[in-house]
Amino acid sequence: MNDIDYQQVIKWILIVLAAGFIGHFGKSFAVYLIATARKKQNLADEERSEAFVKQPGETTSSATSETAETRARAEKKALKALVKLKKKEK
């Protein structure tokens, strides 16, 4: 039992500690990279959503034309409904 090589034991202890150190900080670095990527993605998503949301008092030509189109469609549907009702009455 006296044939234990202390240098070999110390070497393996240092190898295990180094592997643990690398694993721990590698995982922390990966979590950091993922969090950074998510923040960038969330910022990009917020910018896209803000581009589509019309601010009060702010008009854009596309937003105005869309509302004009929807109004025109609604008026057209209402007129069609009136024409159908008049045809049914006759």
Protein backbone atom coordinates (compact mmCIF):
# COMPACT_ATOMS: atom_id res chain seq x y z
CA MET A 1 0.00 0.00 0.00
CA ASN A 2 2.98 2.28 0.18
CA ASP A 3 3.35 2.34 -3.57
CA ILE A 4 1.01 5.37 -4.01
CA ASP A 5 2.56 7.87 -6.39
CA TYR A 6 1.69 11.29 -4.92
CA GLN A 7 2.73 13.12 -8.06
CA GLN A 8 0.22 11.11 -10.09
CA VAL A 9 -2.54 11.83 -7.52
CA ILE A 10 -1.79 15.56 -7.54
CA LYS A 11 -1.68 15.56 -11.35
CA TRP A 12 -5.15 13.98 -11.56
CA ILE A 13 -6.56 16.32 -8.94
CA LEU A 14 -5.27 19.31 -10.93
CA ILE A 15 -6.69 17.86 -14.18
CA VAL A 16 -10.13 17.41 -12.60
CA LEU A 17 -10.05 20.93 -11.12
CA ALA A 18 -8.99 22.42 -14.48
CA ALA A 19 -11.80 20.53 -16.26
CA GLY A 20 -14.32 21.78 -13.70
CA PHE A 21 -13.03 25.34 -14.05
CA ILE A 22 -13.26 25.22 -17.85
CA GLY A 23 -16.71 23.60 -17.73
CA HIS A 24 -18.12 26.10 -15.26
CA PHE A 25 -16.88 29.20 -17.07
CA GLY A 26 -17.69 27.70 -20.46
CA LYS A 27 -21.29 27.22 -19.35
CA SER A 28 -21.43 30.74 -17.91
CA PHE A 29 -20.07 32.13 -21.18
CA ALA A 30 -22.65 30.17 -23.18
CA VAL A 31 -25.48 31.50 -20.97
CA TYR A 32 -24.14 35.02 -21.48
CA LEU A 33 -24.05 34.58 -25.26
CA ILE A 34 -27.60 33.24 -25.32
CA ALA A 35 -28.87 36.10 -23.16
CA THR A 36 -27.16 38.63 -25.43
CA ALA A 37 -28.67 37.05 -28.53
CA ARG A 38 -32.14 37.08 -26.93
CA LYS A 39 -31.79 40.75 -25.99
CA LYS A 40 -30.84 41.62 -29.56
CA GLN A 41 -33.76 39.61 -30.91
CA ASN A 42 -36.19 41.24 -28.46
CA LEU A 43 -34.94 44.70 -29.43
CA ALA A 44 -35.37 43.88 -33.10
CA ASP A 45 -38.88 42.54 -32.45
CA GLU A 46 -39.79 45.68 -30.49
CA GLU A 47 -38.49 47.91 -33.28
CA ARG A 48 -40.56 45.98 -35.83
CA SER A 49 -43.67 46.20 -33.68
CA GLU A 50 -43.14 49.92 -33.08
CA ALA A 51 -42.88 50.44 -36.82
CA PHE A 52 -46.35 48.93 -37.28
CA VAL A 53 -47.99 50.73 -34.36
CA LYS A 54 -49.18 54.18 -35.25
CA GLN A 55 -48.31 56.79 -32.65
CA PRO A 56 -51.03 59.30 -31.66
CA GLY A 57 -50.98 62.30 -33.96
CA GLU A 58 -48.69 60.52 -36.37
CA THR A 59 -50.00 59.60 -39.80
CA THR A 60 -48.28 57.72 -42.53
CA SER A 61 -49.39 57.48 -46.10
CA SER A 62 -49.77 53.69 -45.89
CA ALA A 63 -51.79 53.91 -42.67
CA THR A 64 -54.04 56.58 -44.17
CA SER A 65 -54.57 54.61 -47.35
CA GLU A 66 -55.37 51.46 -45.36
CA THR A 67 -57.99 53.24 -43.31
CA ALA A 68 -59.44 54.82 -46.46
CA GLU A 69 -59.59 51.38 -48.08
CA THR A 70 -61.32 49.83 -45.09
CA ARG A 71 -63.83 52.69 -44.99
CA ALA A 72 -64.49 52.31 -48.71
CA ARG A 73 -65.00 48.57 -48.32
CA ALA A 74 -67.38 49.10 -45.42
CA GLU A 75 -69.39 51.65 -47.42
CA LYS A 76 -69.49 49.33 -50.40
CA LYS A 77 -70.78 46.45 -48.23
CA ALA A 78 -73.41 48.70 -46.70
CA LEU A 79 -74.57 49.83 -50.14
CA LYS A 80 -74.76 46.22 -51.35
CA ALA A 81 -76.81 45.31 -48.31
CA LEU A 82 -79.22 48.20 -49.01
CA VAL A 83 -79.56 47.15 -52.65
CA LYS A 84 -80.36 43.58 -51.58
CA LEU A 85 -82.96 44.79 -49.10
CA LYS A 86 -84.61 46.97 -51.74
CA LYS A 87 -84.69 44.05 -54.18
CA LYS A 88 -86.32 41.85 -51.53
CA GLU A 89 -88.98 44.49 -50.84
CA LYS A 90 -90.04 44.65 -54.48
